Amino acid sequence: MFDRHTGAAPGFGIGLFLARDLAVTLGGRLSLTGRRPATFPLLVPVRQEEAGPAGGG
């Protein structure tokens, strides 16, 4: 399902492949949870930056 497809079949392409590749690169995941309608939850970890000194000086 998340494989890269090339060909003439309509509805197939590289969209899900690229979305999954991006999710994995960011440390997350893309999965399929439904068939009709198809749903693809995208889970990506969020990193909070450490707060710096207030006011800058």
C-alpha atoms as a PDB file:
ATOM      1  CA  MET A   1       0.000   0.000   0.000  1.00  0.00           C
ATOM      2  CA  PHE A   2       2.778   2.447   0.859  1.00  0.00           C
ATOM      3  CA  ASP A   3       4.985   1.197  -1.971  1.00  0.00           C
ATOM      4  CA  ARG A   4       5.968   3.514  -4.773  1.00  0.00           C
ATOM      5  CA  HIS A   5       3.804   2.788  -7.823  1.00  0.00           C
ATOM      6  CA  THR A   6       4.420   3.887 -11.353  1.00  0.00           C
ATOM      7  CA  GLY A   7       2.169   3.002 -14.223  1.00  0.00           C
ATOM      8  CA  ALA A   8      -0.978   3.893 -16.036  1.00  0.00           C
ATOM      9  CA  ALA A   9      -3.475   2.732 -13.401  1.00  0.00           C
ATOM     10  CA  PRO A  10      -5.502   5.729 -12.188  1.00  0.00           C
ATOM     11  CA  GLY A  11      -5.352   6.409  -8.473  1.00  0.00           C
ATOM     12  CA  PHE A  12      -1.864   5.000  -8.013  1.00  0.00           C
ATOM     13  CA  GLY A  13       1.258   7.048  -7.633  1.00  0.00           C
ATOM     14  CA  ILE A  14       3.839   8.126  -5.115  1.00  0.00           C
ATOM     15  CA  GLY A  15       1.688  10.259  -2.764  1.00  0.00           C
ATOM     16  CA  LEU A  16       1.360   7.764   0.100  1.00  0.00           C
ATOM     17  CA  PHE A  17       4.924   6.583  -0.430  1.00  0.00           C
ATOM     18  CA  LEU A  18       6.235  10.134  -0.013  1.00  0.00           C
ATOM     19  CA  ALA A  19       3.962  10.867   2.958  1.00  0.00           C
ATOM     20  CA  ARG A  20       5.125   7.722   4.755  1.00  0.00           C
ATOM     21  CA  ASP A  21       8.772   8.446   3.920  1.00  0.00           C
ATOM     22  CA  LEU A  22       8.442  11.958   5.361  1.00  0.00           C
ATOM     23  CA  ALA A  23       6.705  10.670   8.505  1.00  0.00           C
ATOM     24  CA  VAL A  24       9.438   8.079   9.121  1.00  0.00           C
ATOM     25  CA  THR A  25      12.175  10.658   8.486  1.00  0.00           C
ATOM     26  CA  LEU A  26      10.631  12.864  11.175  1.00  0.00           C
ATOM     27  CA  GLY A  27      10.410   9.945  13.617  1.00  0.00           C
ATOM     28  CA  GLY A  28       6.692   9.390  13.141  1.00  0.00           C
ATOM     29  CA  ARG A  29       4.443   7.036  11.248  1.00  0.00           C
ATOM     30  CA  LEU A  30       1.630   6.904   8.725  1.00  0.00           C
ATOM     31  CA  SER A  31      -0.945   4.130   8.956  1.00  0.00           C
ATOM     32  CA  LEU A  32      -4.241   3.008   7.477  1.00  0.00           C
ATOM     33  CA  THR A  33      -7.177   2.784   9.890  1.00  0.00           C
ATOM     34  CA  GLY A  34     -10.223   2.567   7.633  1.00  0.00           C
ATOM     35  CA  ARG A  35     -11.194   1.201   4.248  1.00  0.00           C
ATOM     36  CA  ARG A  36     -14.383   3.094   3.401  1.00  0.00           C
ATOM     37  CA  PRO A  37     -13.590   5.885   3.698  1.00  0.00           C
ATOM     38  CA  ALA A  38      -9.858   5.310   3.909  1.00  0.00           C
ATOM     39  CA  THR A  39      -8.207   7.273   6.701  1.00  0.00           C
ATOM     40  CA  PHE A  40      -4.477   7.709   7.163  1.00  0.00           C
ATOM     41  CA  PRO A  41      -3.483   9.041  10.591  1.00  0.00           C
ATOM     42  CA  LEU A  42      -0.131  10.812  10.518  1.00  0.00           C
ATOM     43  CA  LEU A  43       1.696  10.769  13.846  1.00  0.00           C
ATOM     44  CA  VAL A  44       4.752  13.018  14.155  1.00  0.00           C
ATOM     45  CA  PRO A  45       6.569  13.693  17.438  1.00  0.00           C
ATOM     46  CA  VAL A  46       6.660  17.294  18.623  1.00  0.00           C
ATOM     47  CA  ARG A  47       9.805  18.690  20.197  1.00  0.00           C
ATOM     48  CA  GLN A  48       9.489  21.730  22.410  1.00  0.00           C
ATOM     49  CA  GLU A  49      12.356  24.192  22.341  1.00  0.00           C
ATOM     50  CA  GLU A  50      13.909  25.163  25.654  1.00  0.00           C
ATOM     51  CA  ALA A  51      12.864  28.621  26.758  1.00  0.00           C
ATOM     52  CA  GLY A  52      15.678  31.155  26.579  1.00  0.00           C
ATOM     53  CA  PRO A  53      16.168  34.155  28.848  1.00  0.00           C
ATOM     54  CA  ALA A  54      13.162  36.471  28.869  1.00  0.00           C
ATOM     55  CA  GLY A  55      13.731  39.919  27.393  1.00  0.00           C
ATOM     56  CA  GLY A  56      17.010  39.002  25.702  1.00  0.00           C
ATOM     57  CA  GLY A  57      19.238  40.821  28.130  1.00  0.00           C
END
